[in-house]
Amino acid sequence: MRKLISTVCVVLLSAVSLPAQGKRLWVLRAPGEMVEYDSATFATKQTVKVPPEAATSPQNLSVNHLGQMLFASPVSLPLAEGDLTVERKVWFWDGHIATTIAREISRSTATTGSNLAITESAPVPFLSSDGTHLYWFSNQARRLQRDGVDLSTKTTWSGWRTDLAGAGRADVASVSLPECSCPTGGCEESCPYGEVWVPDDGVGKFFLLTQFVSGRNQLVYKASSLFEESAGMWAATALDPPLRRVLDAANGGAILEAIPDTGCCGWANQSDDQTLLRLHGKTLTIFDELAAYKNPDYDVSFYTENGKLSPDLGAVAFTIVATAQANKPIQLSEQGQANPEESQRIRKALLDLPAVEVKSVEDAPRRIAFLPHATLVGWISEKEILIVEGHLLVAYNVVSGARRKSSIRVDDAAHVFLR
């Protein structure tokens, strides 16, 4: 009986530790290969052929924990002429074989009185975390135009899912945006579209939708919603204030976002860059540019390029970068006054960048680690992060400070996928 109990305990403990040990590591290499490595030993496991253009646009390639991959060239509204003349296919790897899936990018026109009505749509595909479906999200915009000038638009955002061949559409959600006038003659400058944020591992039980306006000089965030699935039904919850640049989210109650600088028109530093964690009704300031760098007089902005929550939500890791370099001239900010001490402090800080910082998740977040000349990839486990140092992958233990260095050379962190 004791042996049986011991055996059961070992099995249970092993099962509990599997998620932490089971992270899969992929590196995208030119001219078109995804190489999988063991995240514990850095040994090579397998190679998958991907479209060659993925190497130059890694942001358009997605991978889930199951090893499924999807590559789709970006298309946005309003459609350019080239978007319609080139056949747009979605490349999909189901874990065994590669296929291409049709992507229905469309434009139709009709005469309405003295105006021309142009209806356009360009769905964006996403993987699912369980590997059973593909998700598609699209803005369908109906613009009224006269003599080539936009007058108004009516946009409907919608989402649906299909099987892995792109068939069997089942609607997920739809949001009808108010009709919007276009005073500048370009609807994208004054009217919102919906944009979805999906976890790295694909759509599971939630995703985030933000309505934003591109604007002439900067993005304007209008509204955000959390969509959650329960018993096969999706329901939306409004988020206030609207989300800005989402860096990571573990669920609807743990969202990490960056608040970009409002600088425009040639200025880089006109407000305070911040990174906030919305955690079950509380908002924690994880990064605050002005508090950390005290740089109001000079036109250089420090901000978080990326950020990831630890698996246990006990810490946040992120990469700090800047809009200037230490060996290049830095002008005064729009309202700045010359300050030699501040200038010297800024240039000294720039020498460390890019840098990875790790903060604790508590009411007053404290620094756990700071790694100069490094870029974050993600969390391997609750204690270990994966970073890029000198174009090499390195695992760093944020508790002990121990490093596991690999011989895996990468172009940059954007070419590394940790799932």
Protein backbone atom coordinates (compact mmCIF):
# COMPACT_ATOMS: atom_id res chain seq x y z
CA MET A 1 0.00 0.00 0.00
CA ARG A 2 2.83 2.39 0.88
CA LYS A 3 4.50 1.67 -2.46
CA LEU A 4 1.21 2.31 -4.26
CA ILE A 5 0.71 5.64 -2.46
CA SER A 6 4.29 6.66 -3.23
CA THR A 7 3.82 5.80 -6.89
CA VAL A 8 0.57 7.79 -7.09
CA CYS A 9 2.25 10.79 -5.45
CA VAL A 10 5.12 10.71 -7.93
CA VAL A 11 2.69 10.59 -10.86
CA LEU A 12 0.66 13.49 -9.47
CA LEU A 13 3.75 15.59 -8.83
CA SER A 14 5.00 14.87 -12.33
CA ALA A 15 1.65 15.90 -13.81
CA VAL A 16 1.71 19.16 -11.85
CA SER A 17 5.22 19.98 -13.07
CA LEU A 18 4.51 19.21 -16.73
CA PRO A 19 3.21 22.69 -17.69
CA ALA A 20 6.39 24.32 -16.35
CA GLN A 21 8.64 21.77 -18.06
CA GLY A 22 6.65 21.57 -21.25
CA LYS A 23 7.48 24.90 -22.88
CA ARG A 24 8.36 24.44 -26.53
CA LEU A 25 11.08 26.56 -28.10
CA TRP A 26 11.18 27.44 -31.80
CA VAL A 27 13.64 29.65 -33.71
CA LEU A 28 12.80 31.11 -37.12
CA ARG A 29 15.72 31.03 -39.54
CA ALA A 30 16.23 32.28 -43.12
CA PRO A 31 15.40 31.42 -45.81
CA GLY A 32 12.40 29.55 -44.36
CA GLU A 33 12.88 27.17 -41.45
CA MET A 34 11.46 26.81 -37.97
CA VAL A 35 13.84 24.82 -35.78
CA GLU A 36 12.58 23.38 -32.51
CA TYR A 37 14.96 23.11 -29.55
CA ASP A 38 14.53 21.50 -26.16
CA SER A 39 13.97 24.39 -23.73
CA ALA A 40 15.74 22.48 -20.93
CA THR A 41 18.83 21.24 -22.80
CA PHE A 42 18.81 23.43 -25.96
CA ALA A 43 19.22 20.28 -28.05
CA THR A 44 17.81 20.34 -31.60
CA LYS A 45 14.53 18.42 -31.94
CA GLN A 46 13.06 19.02 -35.40
CA THR A 47 12.87 21.38 -38.37
CA VAL A 48 9.76 22.57 -40.22
CA LYS A 49 9.80 24.36 -43.58
CA VAL A 50 7.87 27.65 -43.52
CA PRO A 51 7.28 30.32 -46.19
CA PRO A 52 10.55 32.18 -46.91
CA GLU A 53 8.91 35.57 -46.37
CA ALA A 54 8.24 34.65 -42.73
CA ALA A 55 11.90 35.33 -41.91
CA THR A 56 11.48 39.01 -42.82
CA SER A 57 8.09 39.40 -41.12
CA PRO A 58 8.10 37.13 -38.03
CA GLN A 59 5.20 39.09 -36.54
CA ASN A 60 2.94 37.46 -39.15
CA LEU A 61 3.88 33.92 -38.10
CA SER A 62 2.11 32.33 -35.14
CA VAL A 63 2.77 29.06 -33.30
CA ASN A 64 0.81 27.30 -30.56
CA HIS A 65 1.96 24.79 -27.92
CA LEU A 66 0.87 21.89 -30.12
CA GLY A 67 3.35 22.98 -32.79
CA GLN A 68 0.74 24.17 -35.27
CA MET A 69 1.85 27.19 -37.31
CA LEU A 70 0.09 29.83 -39.38
CA PHE A 71 1.47 32.52 -41.66
CA ALA A 72 -0.67 35.24 -43.25
CA SER A 73 0.53 38.42 -44.96
CA PRO A 74 -0.92 41.57 -43.36
CA VAL A 75 -3.83 43.30 -45.09
CA SER A 76 -5.59 46.35 -43.66
CA LEU A 77 -8.43 48.67 -44.60
CA PRO A 78 -8.79 50.59 -46.81
CA LEU A 79 -7.55 48.01 -49.29
CA ALA A 80 -4.80 48.93 -51.72
CA GLU A 81 -5.08 47.93 -55.36
CA GLY A 82 -2.37 45.32 -54.89
CA ASP A 83 -4.40 43.62 -52.16
CA LEU A 84 -6.98 42.59 -54.76
CA THR A 85 -4.69 41.66 -57.64
CA VAL A 86 -2.57 39.23 -55.58
CA GLU A 87 -4.20 36.01 -54.46
CA ARG A 88 -3.93 35.92 -50.68
CA LYS A 89 -3.45 32.48 -49.17
CA VAL A 90 -2.97 31.48 -45.54
CA TRP A 91 -0.16 28.98 -44.96
CA PHE A 92 -1.00 26.45 -42.25
CA TRP A 93 1.02 23.64 -40.65
CA ASP A 94 -1.19 21.26 -38.68
CA GLY A 95 1.74 19.63 -36.92
CA HIS A 96 2.28 17.07 -39.69
CA ILE A 97 1.69 18.57 -43.13
CA ALA A 98 1.46 22.04 -44.69
CA THR A 99 -1.58 23.33 -46.56
CA THR A 100 -2.83 26.64 -47.92
CA ILE A 101 -6.24 28.07 -47.10
CA ALA A 102 -8.22 30.59 -49.13
CA ARG A 103 -8.57 34.04 -47.60
CA GLU A 104 -11.60 35.97 -48.77
CA ILE A 105 -10.37 39.53 -49.15
CA SER A 106 -13.15 41.38 -50.92
CA ARG A 107 -14.24 44.71 -52.36
CA SER A 108 -17.55 45.52 -54.00
CA THR A 109 -18.90 48.81 -55.33
CA ALA A 110 -22.37 50.19 -55.95
CA THR A 111 -23.82 53.56 -56.95
CA THR A 112 -25.89 55.33 -54.30
CA GLY A 113 -27.30 58.56 -55.74
CA SER A 114 -24.30 60.72 -56.60
CA ASN A 115 -22.03 58.68 -54.33
CA LEU A 116 -20.08 55.48 -54.70
CA ALA A 117 -20.53 52.87 -51.96
CA ILE A 118 -17.39 50.75 -51.42
CA THR A 119 -17.68 47.68 -49.19
CA GLU A 120 -14.42 46.03 -48.13
CA SER A 121 -13.32 43.29 -45.75
CA ALA A 122 -10.03 41.55 -44.94
CA PRO A 123 -10.26 38.76 -42.33
CA VAL A 124 -7.24 38.02 -40.12
CA PRO A 125 -6.73 34.36 -39.13
CA PHE A 126 -5.54 33.03 -35.74
CA LEU A 127 -4.73 29.62 -34.31
CA SER A 128 -6.70 28.08 -31.47
CA SER A 129 -4.86 26.92 -28.36
CA ASP A 130 -6.46 23.45 -28.48
CA GLY A 131 -5.61 22.94 -32.16
CA THR A 132 -9.15 22.11 -33.28
CA HIS A 133 -10.18 25.34 -35.02
CA LEU A 134 -9.02 28.48 -36.78
CA TYR A 135 -10.43 31.85 -35.70
CA TRP A 136 -11.05 34.72 -38.11
CA PHE A 137 -11.64 38.39 -37.22
CA SER A 138 -12.63 41.05 -39.74
CA ASN A 139 -13.71 44.65 -40.17
CA GLN A 140 -16.28 45.08 -42.91
CA ALA A 141 -16.43 48.74 -43.87
CA ARG A 142 -18.97 50.37 -46.19
CA ARG A 143 -17.57 53.74 -47.28
CA LEU A 144 -19.46 56.42 -49.17
CA GLN A 145 -17.18 58.21 -51.60
CA ARG A 146 -17.59 61.07 -54.07
CA ASP A 147 -14.93 62.07 -56.60
CA GLY A 148 -12.38 59.91 -54.77
CA VAL A 149 -13.03 61.61 -51.41
CA ASP A 150 -14.37 59.63 -48.43
CA LEU A 151 -17.58 61.06 -46.95
CA SER A 152 -18.59 58.53 -44.28
CA THR A 153 -18.24 54.90 -43.29
CA LYS A 154 -20.24 52.22 -41.48
CA THR A 155 -18.11 49.42 -40.05
CA THR A 156 -19.06 46.09 -38.54
CA TRP A 157 -16.45 44.03 -36.73
CA SER A 158 -17.10 40.31 -36.61
CA GLY A 159 -15.42 37.09 -35.52
CA TRP A 160 -16.01 33.45 -36.41
CA ARG A 161 -14.28 30.11 -36.28
CA THR A 162 -13.83 27.33 -38.83
CA ASP A 163 -12.30 23.90 -39.01
CA LEU A 164 -8.61 23.59 -39.86
CA ALA A 165 -9.42 23.68 -43.59
CA GLY A 166 -11.20 27.04 -43.27
CA ALA A 167 -14.68 25.51 -43.71
CA GLY A 168 -17.71 25.14 -41.44
CA ARG A 169 -18.03 28.76 -40.34
CA ALA A 170 -19.57 29.32 -36.89
CA ASP A 171 -20.07 32.93 -35.78
CA VAL A 172 -18.45 33.98 -32.50
CA ALA A 173 -19.30 37.67 -32.07
CA SER A 174 -20.23 40.83 -33.94
CA VAL A 175 -20.03 44.54 -33.06
CA SER A 176 -21.70 47.22 -35.16
CA LEU A 177 -19.79 50.51 -34.90
CA PRO A 178 -21.71 53.82 -35.24
CA GLU A 179 -21.77 55.49 -38.63
CA CYS A 180 -18.85 57.89 -38.84
CA SER A 181 -18.23 60.96 -40.99
CA CYS A 182 -14.83 61.53 -42.59
CA PRO A 183 -14.07 65.28 -42.48
CA THR A 184 -10.47 64.89 -43.71
CA GLY A 185 -11.46 62.86 -46.76
CA GLY A 186 -9.84 59.68 -45.41
CA CYS A 187 -12.00 57.59 -43.10
CA GLU A 188 -9.03 55.83 -41.47
CA GLU A 189 -7.96 59.21 -40.03
CA SER A 190 -11.15 59.79 -38.03
CA CYS A 191 -13.17 56.56 -37.81
CA PRO A 192 -12.50 53.48 -35.68
CA TYR A 193 -11.77 49.90 -36.65
CA GLY A 194 -11.66 46.91 -34.34
CA GLU A 195 -8.38 45.13 -33.59
CA VAL A 196 -8.08 41.87 -31.69
CA TRP A 197 -5.37 40.77 -29.26
CA VAL A 198 -4.95 37.01 -28.91
CA PRO A 199 -2.63 35.09 -26.51
CA ASP A 200 0.62 33.77 -27.99
CA ASP A 201 -0.73 30.22 -27.79
CA GLY A 202 -3.84 31.09 -29.82
CA VAL A 203 -7.48 31.67 -28.96
CA GLY A 204 -8.57 29.69 -25.92
CA LYS A 205 -11.19 30.94 -23.48
CA PHE A 206 -10.75 34.67 -24.11
CA PHE A 207 -9.54 37.40 -26.45
CA LEU A 208 -9.48 41.22 -26.33
CA LEU A 209 -11.01 43.69 -28.79
CA THR A 210 -10.06 47.37 -28.99
CA GLN A 211 -11.65 49.98 -31.23
CA PHE A 212 -9.10 52.58 -32.31
CA VAL A 213 -8.64 55.39 -34.82
CA SER A 214 -5.36 55.56 -36.71
CA GLY A 215 -5.47 59.35 -36.80
CA ARG A 216 -3.12 61.64 -38.71
CA ASN A 217 -0.41 61.72 -36.05
CA GLN A 218 -1.18 59.09 -33.40
CA LEU A 219 -3.58 56.30 -32.44
CA VAL A 220 -6.74 57.20 -30.54
CA TYR A 221 -8.17 54.38 -28.40
CA LYS A 222 -11.96 54.50 -28.25
CA ALA A 223 -13.25 51.36 -26.46
CA SER A 224 -12.16 47.87 -25.40
CA SER A 225 -14.00 44.64 -24.64
CA LEU A 226 -13.08 41.32 -23.08
CA PHE A 227 -14.67 38.35 -24.87
CA GLU A 228 -14.91 35.16 -22.81
CA GLU A 229 -16.24 31.74 -23.75
CA SER A 230 -18.41 29.61 -21.49
CA ALA A 231 -20.26 26.46 -22.57
CA GLY A 232 -19.69 27.30 -26.21
CA MET A 233 -21.09 30.86 -25.96
CA TRP A 234 -19.05 34.05 -26.14
CA ALA A 235 -19.94 37.10 -24.04
CA ALA A 236 -18.39 40.59 -24.03
CA THR A 237 -17.49 42.76 -21.03
CA ALA A 238 -16.53 46.42 -21.52
CA LEU A 239 -13.11 47.46 -20.19
CA ASP A 240 -12.62 50.99 -18.91
CA PRO A 241 -10.40 52.80 -19.70
CA PRO A 242 -9.73 51.34 -23.17
CA LEU A 243 -6.69 49.15 -23.54
CA ARG A 244 -3.73 50.68 -25.27
CA ARG A 245 -0.84 48.44 -26.41
CA VAL A 246 -1.50 45.00 -24.89
CA LEU A 247 1.75 43.19 -24.06
CA ASP A 248 0.37 40.05 -22.40
CA ALA A 249 -2.66 38.64 -20.64
CA ALA A 250 -3.16 35.45 -18.66
CA ASN A 251 -6.95 35.81 -18.51
CA GLY A 252 -9.57 38.52 -18.37
CA GLY A 253 -8.43 39.51 -14.88
CA ALA A 254 -4.69 39.84 -15.59
CA ILE A 255 -3.81 42.16 -18.49
CA LEU A 256 -0.43 43.81 -19.04
CA GLU A 257 -0.49 46.92 -21.21
CA ALA A 258 1.88 49.68 -22.28
CA ILE A 259 0.79 53.32 -22.33
CA PRO A 260 2.65 54.85 -25.31
CA ASP A 261 4.04 58.36 -25.43
CA THR A 262 1.65 60.86 -26.98
CA GLY A 263 4.49 62.50 -28.87
CA CYS A 264 3.77 63.41 -32.47
CA CYS A 265 4.84 65.67 -35.25
CA GLY A 266 8.55 64.92 -34.88
CA TRP A 267 8.62 64.79 -31.06
CA ALA A 268 9.39 61.53 -29.22
CA ASN A 269 8.95 62.55 -25.57
CA GLN A 270 5.78 64.50 -24.78
CA SER A 271 4.30 62.32 -22.03
CA ASP A 272 5.12 59.59 -19.52
CA ASP A 273 5.52 56.09 -20.95
CA GLN A 274 4.12 53.53 -18.52
CA THR A 275 3.45 49.82 -18.27
CA LEU A 276 0.41 48.86 -16.20
CA LEU A 277 -0.91 45.55 -14.92
CA ARG A 278 -4.68 45.34 -14.58
CA LEU A 279 -5.04 42.64 -11.96
CA HIS A 280 -8.53 41.71 -10.74
CA GLY A 281 -9.78 45.26 -10.38
CA LYS A 282 -6.47 46.82 -9.29
CA THR A 283 -3.98 48.67 -11.48
CA LEU A 284 -0.29 48.23 -10.69
CA THR A 285 2.38 50.46 -12.24
CA ILE A 286 5.10 48.11 -13.39
CA PHE A 287 7.15 50.66 -15.32
CA ASP A 288 7.13 54.46 -15.14
CA GLU A 289 9.49 56.32 -17.46
CA LEU A 290 9.64 59.63 -15.61
CA ALA A 291 10.05 57.97 -12.21
CA ALA A 292 12.82 55.68 -13.47
CA TYR A 293 14.73 57.98 -15.83
CA LYS A 294 13.73 61.56 -14.87
CA ASN A 295 13.98 62.75 -18.46
CA PRO A 296 11.39 65.51 -19.01
CA ASP A 297 13.80 68.01 -20.61
CA TYR A 298 15.14 65.88 -23.44
CA ASP A 299 13.44 64.41 -26.48
CA VAL A 300 14.21 60.78 -25.71
CA SER A 301 11.56 58.30 -24.67
CA PHE A 302 12.21 55.15 -22.60
CA TYR A 303 9.54 52.48 -22.97
CA THR A 304 8.80 48.75 -22.74
CA GLU A 305 9.18 47.01 -26.07
CA ASN A 306 7.61 43.78 -24.80
CA GLY A 307 6.50 42.19 -21.54
CA LYS A 308 5.40 38.81 -20.17
CA LEU A 309 3.61 37.64 -17.03
CA SER A 310 5.18 34.74 -15.14
CA PRO A 311 3.14 31.49 -15.14
CA ASP A 312 2.16 31.98 -11.47
CA LEU A 313 1.42 35.73 -12.02
CA GLY A 314 3.98 36.52 -9.33
CA ALA A 315 6.29 38.59 -11.54
CA VAL A 316 6.50 40.56 -14.78
CA ALA A 317 9.50 40.59 -17.12
CA PHE A 318 9.91 43.21 -19.85
CA THR A 319 12.42 44.76 -22.25
CA ILE A 320 13.29 48.46 -21.93
CA VAL A 321 14.38 50.34 -25.06
CA ALA A 322 14.70 54.01 -26.01
CA THR A 323 14.21 56.27 -29.01
CA ALA A 324 17.81 57.57 -28.85
CA GLN A 325 21.34 56.21 -28.68
CA ALA A 326 24.06 57.25 -26.25
CA ASN A 327 26.52 58.23 -29.00
CA LYS A 328 24.03 60.31 -31.02
CA PRO A 329 22.85 63.92 -30.47
CA ILE A 330 19.71 64.33 -28.33
CA GLN A 331 17.65 67.49 -28.72
CA LEU A 332 15.67 69.21 -25.99
CA SER A 333 12.01 68.25 -25.62
CA GLU A 334 9.37 70.69 -26.83
CA GLN A 335 9.15 72.38 -23.42
CA GLY A 336 12.58 71.30 -22.17
CA GLN A 337 15.34 73.35 -20.55
CA ALA A 338 19.04 72.50 -20.83
CA ASN A 339 20.07 70.37 -17.85
CA PRO A 340 23.63 68.93 -17.98
CA GLU A 341 23.01 66.60 -15.02
CA GLU A 342 19.88 65.15 -16.63
CA SER A 343 21.64 64.82 -19.99
CA GLN A 344 24.53 62.91 -18.41
CA ARG A 345 22.12 60.64 -16.51
CA ILE A 346 20.19 59.86 -19.71
CA ARG A 347 23.31 59.02 -21.70
CA LYS A 348 24.54 56.71 -18.94
CA ALA A 349 21.18 54.91 -18.90
CA LEU A 350 21.21 54.52 -22.69
CA LEU A 351 24.48 52.56 -22.46
CA ASP A 352 22.58 49.65 -20.81
CA LEU A 353 19.85 49.34 -23.42
CA PRO A 354 18.16 47.23 -24.48
CA ALA A 355 17.74 45.81 -20.98
CA VAL A 356 15.47 43.23 -19.36
CA GLU A 357 13.89 44.09 -16.01
CA VAL A 358 11.84 41.79 -13.78
CA LYS A 359 9.39 43.23 -11.23
CA SER A 360 7.36 41.54 -8.52
CA VAL A 361 3.57 41.64 -8.68
CA GLU A 362 2.52 43.38 -5.47
CA ASP A 363 0.98 46.70 -4.49
CA ALA A 364 4.42 48.34 -4.70
CA PRO A 365 6.24 46.31 -7.38
CA ARG A 366 9.95 45.89 -6.62
CA ARG A 367 12.84 45.08 -8.91
CA ILE A 368 13.85 41.41 -8.87
CA ALA A 369 16.41 41.51 -11.66
CA PHE A 370 17.96 43.91 -14.18
CA LEU A 371 19.91 42.56 -17.17
CA PRO A 372 21.61 45.14 -19.42
CA HIS A 373 22.21 44.42 -23.10
CA ALA A 374 19.47 41.79 -23.20
CA THR A 375 16.05 41.29 -24.80
CA LEU A 376 13.22 39.22 -23.32
CA VAL A 377 11.72 36.22 -25.09
CA GLY A 378 9.46 34.87 -22.34
CA TRP A 379 9.12 32.69 -19.24
CA ILE A 380 10.36 29.11 -19.37
CA SER A 381 9.04 28.46 -15.85
CA GLU A 382 7.99 30.39 -12.75
CA LYS A 383 11.65 31.13 -11.96
CA GLU A 384 13.41 31.16 -15.32
CA ILE A 385 13.18 33.55 -18.24
CA LEU A 386 14.59 33.17 -21.74
CA ILE A 387 16.55 36.16 -23.06
CA VAL A 388 18.74 37.09 -26.01
CA GLU A 389 22.25 38.26 -25.07
CA GLY A 390 24.80 38.92 -27.78
CA HIS A 391 22.54 37.16 -30.31
CA LEU A 392 22.60 33.98 -28.19
CA LEU A 393 19.73 32.41 -26.26
CA VAL A 394 20.27 32.35 -22.50
CA ALA A 395 18.03 31.04 -19.72
CA TYR A 396 18.23 33.20 -16.59
CA ASN A 397 16.97 32.21 -13.12
CA VAL A 398 15.45 35.35 -11.60
CA VAL A 399 15.72 33.93 -8.07
CA SER A 400 19.28 32.54 -8.00
CA GLY A 401 20.79 34.61 -10.80
CA ALA A 402 22.10 31.45 -12.49
CA ARG A 403 22.49 31.41 -16.28
CA ARG A 404 22.11 28.52 -18.72
CA LYS A 405 23.89 29.65 -21.87
CA SER A 406 23.16 28.05 -25.21
CA SER A 407 25.00 28.04 -28.51
CA ILE A 408 21.77 28.92 -30.37
CA ARG A 409 22.38 32.08 -32.36
CA VAL A 410 19.37 34.21 -33.32
CA ASP A 411 18.86 37.42 -35.28
CA ASP A 412 16.66 38.93 -32.58
CA ALA A 413 13.98 38.03 -30.04
CA ALA A 414 11.19 38.42 -32.63
CA HIS A 415 12.48 35.26 -34.33
CA VAL A 416 12.11 33.18 -31.15
CA PHE A 417 8.81 31.55 -30.15
CA LEU A 418 8.41 30.11 -26.64
CA ARG A 419 5.13 28.24 -26.19
